[in-house]
Protein backbone atom coordinates (compact mmCIF):
# COMPACT_ATOMS: atom_id res chain seq x y z
CA MET A 1 -152.03 -65.74 -60.00
CA ALA A 2 -148.90 -63.17 -58.77
CA GLY A 3 -146.23 -62.83 -61.70
CA GLY A 4 -149.03 -62.97 -64.50
CA THR A 5 -149.04 -61.31 -67.10
CA LEU A 6 -151.54 -58.37 -67.93
CA GLY A 7 -154.07 -60.20 -69.65
CA GLY A 8 -154.54 -62.58 -67.03
CA GLY A 9 -154.47 -65.49 -69.92
CA ASP A 10 -153.18 -68.94 -69.23
CA ASP A 11 -149.57 -70.09 -67.39
CA ASP A 12 -148.65 -71.45 -70.40
CA GLU A 13 -147.95 -67.84 -72.27
CA ILE A 14 -145.02 -65.80 -72.63
CA ILE A 15 -144.22 -62.89 -70.00
CA THR A 16 -144.40 -60.16 -72.36
CA ASP A 17 -143.86 -57.61 -69.47
CA ILE A 18 -140.99 -55.70 -67.60
CA ASN A 19 -140.72 -55.47 -64.09
CA VAL A 20 -138.49 -52.81 -63.46
CA THR A 21 -138.98 -52.68 -60.24
CA PRO A 22 -135.66 -54.32 -59.38
CA LEU A 23 -133.72 -51.62 -61.50
CA VAL A 24 -136.12 -49.15 -59.43
CA ASP A 25 -134.85 -50.31 -56.14
CA VAL A 26 -130.82 -50.62 -56.77
CA VAL A 27 -130.78 -47.07 -58.82
CA LEU A 28 -132.40 -45.68 -55.75
CA VAL A 29 -129.87 -47.37 -53.60
CA LEU A 30 -126.96 -46.01 -55.32
CA LEU A 31 -128.57 -42.72 -55.04
CA ILE A 32 -128.54 -42.70 -51.00
CA ILE A 33 -125.06 -44.09 -51.34
CA LEU A 34 -124.39 -40.89 -53.56
CA MET A 35 -125.96 -38.35 -50.64
CA VAL A 36 -124.63 -39.97 -47.96
CA THR A 37 -121.04 -40.07 -48.83
CA ALA A 38 -121.42 -36.10 -51.06
CA THR A 39 -122.78 -35.32 -47.62
CA ALA A 40 -119.74 -37.02 -45.61
CA ILE A 41 -117.05 -35.07 -48.05
CA VAL A 42 -118.87 -31.54 -47.46
CA SER A 43 -118.89 -32.22 -44.20
CA LYS A 44 -114.66 -31.90 -43.61
CA THR A 45 -114.44 -29.06 -45.35
CA ILE A 46 -113.87 -25.49 -44.42
CA PRO A 47 -115.84 -22.74 -45.71
CA MET A 48 -113.61 -19.82 -47.05
CA GLU A 49 -113.66 -17.36 -49.70
CA LEU A 50 -112.34 -18.32 -52.84
CA PRO A 51 -110.80 -15.87 -54.95
CA GLN A 52 -112.19 -14.38 -58.07
CA ALA A 53 -111.05 -13.93 -61.98
CA ALA A 54 -112.57 -12.82 -65.16
CA THR A 55 -109.73 -14.33 -67.05
CA ALA A 56 -107.62 -17.28 -66.87
CA GLU A 57 -105.33 -17.12 -64.25
CA THR A 58 -101.76 -15.95 -64.09
CA ALA A 59 -98.64 -16.05 -61.57
CA GLY A 60 -100.07 -13.02 -59.89
CA ASP A 61 -103.87 -14.66 -59.09
CA THR A 62 -102.02 -17.28 -57.35
CA PRO A 63 -102.39 -16.43 -53.09
CA THR A 64 -99.04 -17.06 -51.27
CA THR A 65 -99.45 -19.44 -48.73
CA LEU A 66 -97.02 -19.89 -45.75
CA GLY A 67 -96.37 -22.64 -43.53
CA ILE A 68 -96.32 -22.08 -39.89
CA SER A 69 -95.30 -24.34 -37.33
CA ILE A 70 -94.77 -24.56 -33.35
CA ASP A 71 -93.38 -27.18 -31.91
CA GLU A 72 -93.71 -28.05 -28.26
CA GLY A 73 -91.21 -26.03 -27.17
CA GLY A 74 -92.51 -23.24 -29.19
CA ASN A 75 -89.59 -22.50 -31.78
CA LEU A 76 -91.00 -21.21 -35.07
CA PHE A 77 -90.72 -22.83 -38.52
CA LEU A 78 -91.26 -21.47 -41.76
CA ASP A 79 -91.90 -24.03 -44.43
CA ARG A 80 -90.14 -26.75 -42.48
CA ASP A 81 -87.56 -24.37 -42.22
CA PRO A 82 -86.59 -23.59 -38.21
CA MET A 83 -86.67 -19.54 -37.57
CA SER A 84 -86.46 -16.96 -35.26
CA GLU A 85 -90.12 -14.30 -34.48
CA ASP A 86 -87.09 -11.71 -36.28
CA GLU A 87 -86.57 -13.76 -38.98
CA LEU A 88 -90.08 -15.13 -39.99
CA ARG A 89 -91.27 -11.10 -39.92
CA ALA A 90 -88.84 -10.77 -42.57
CA ARG A 91 -89.54 -13.83 -44.72
CA VAL A 92 -93.26 -12.82 -43.95
CA ARG A 93 -92.69 -9.12 -45.21
CA ALA A 94 -90.62 -9.83 -48.54
CA ALA A 95 -93.89 -12.97 -48.89
CA ARG A 96 -95.65 -9.79 -48.59
CA GLU A 97 -94.23 -7.34 -50.80
CA ALA A 98 -94.08 -10.08 -53.74
CA SER A 99 -97.51 -10.81 -53.27
CA GLU A 100 -100.83 -8.86 -52.21
CA ASP A 101 -102.93 -11.70 -51.52
CA VAL A 102 -100.62 -13.02 -49.20
CA ARG A 103 -102.01 -16.40 -46.33
CA ALA A 104 -100.59 -18.37 -43.63
CA ILE A 105 -101.83 -21.66 -41.97
CA ILE A 106 -100.38 -22.05 -38.39
CA ALA A 107 -100.25 -25.41 -36.71
CA ALA A 108 -99.34 -25.36 -33.56
CA ALA A 109 -98.49 -28.38 -30.63
CA GLY A 110 -101.32 -29.14 -28.25
CA SER A 111 -99.12 -28.33 -25.55
CA ILE A 112 -97.86 -25.42 -25.93
CA GLN A 113 -99.17 -21.84 -24.41
CA HIS A 114 -102.35 -20.30 -26.55
CA GLY A 115 -99.98 -16.96 -25.42
CA ARG A 116 -97.65 -18.27 -28.50
CA VAL A 117 -99.76 -19.22 -30.86
CA VAL A 118 -101.77 -15.02 -30.48
CA GLN A 119 -97.39 -14.14 -30.64
CA VAL A 120 -97.56 -15.46 -33.98
CA ILE A 121 -101.04 -14.17 -35.20
CA ASP A 122 -100.08 -10.14 -34.18
CA LEU A 123 -96.45 -10.89 -35.79
CA LEU A 124 -98.76 -11.77 -39.28
CA ARG A 125 -100.94 -8.94 -38.51
CA GLN A 126 -98.46 -6.27 -37.79
CA GLU A 127 -97.32 -7.55 -41.56
CA ARG A 128 -100.94 -7.02 -43.19
CA VAL A 129 -101.58 -10.64 -43.38
CA THR A 130 -104.96 -10.90 -42.14
CA ARG A 131 -106.10 -13.94 -43.45
CA PHE A 132 -105.10 -16.85 -41.36
CA ALA A 133 -106.37 -20.39 -40.44
CA ILE A 134 -105.59 -22.64 -37.81
CA ASN A 135 -104.08 -25.71 -38.88
CA VAL A 136 -106.21 -28.65 -36.15
CA ARG A 137 -106.48 -32.69 -36.79
CA PRO A 138 -109.85 -34.34 -37.43
CA SER A 139 -111.16 -35.85 -33.62
CA GLU A 140 -112.37 -38.99 -35.53
CA LEU A 141 -108.26 -39.48 -35.71
CA GLU A 142 -107.59 -38.87 -32.09
CA ALA A 143 -109.42 -42.17 -31.30
CA GLN A 144 -107.75 -44.42 -33.46
């Protein structure tokens, strides 16, 4: 008889065994959900070189990040402040003097010429800022 006791005794006896199969099924389903969501979260990150520290973090260890935007007209913005190339160069130079580790995130409108973005990258390289990222929107947001 299915679901009986191990001893195979009478039907009137109390079932003393614990069936752990449903518990194992639930735990496996939760494990699969955890693995899928962890994979989805990790796949959206961009690998980057993180700073290393042997002691507690101090103000000098934190990299300075500059947010540079280029709108449809080719106008430059540094942290939402409009500026010319000369002003941008001066601000990048000042940030470089204040901190050894200066990084930039470049966000450009999709309709501007590629050459304008290259000019900004060249400006950053002339000021010895070699670590930069180009900000993009994930493609699944375009479909919505």
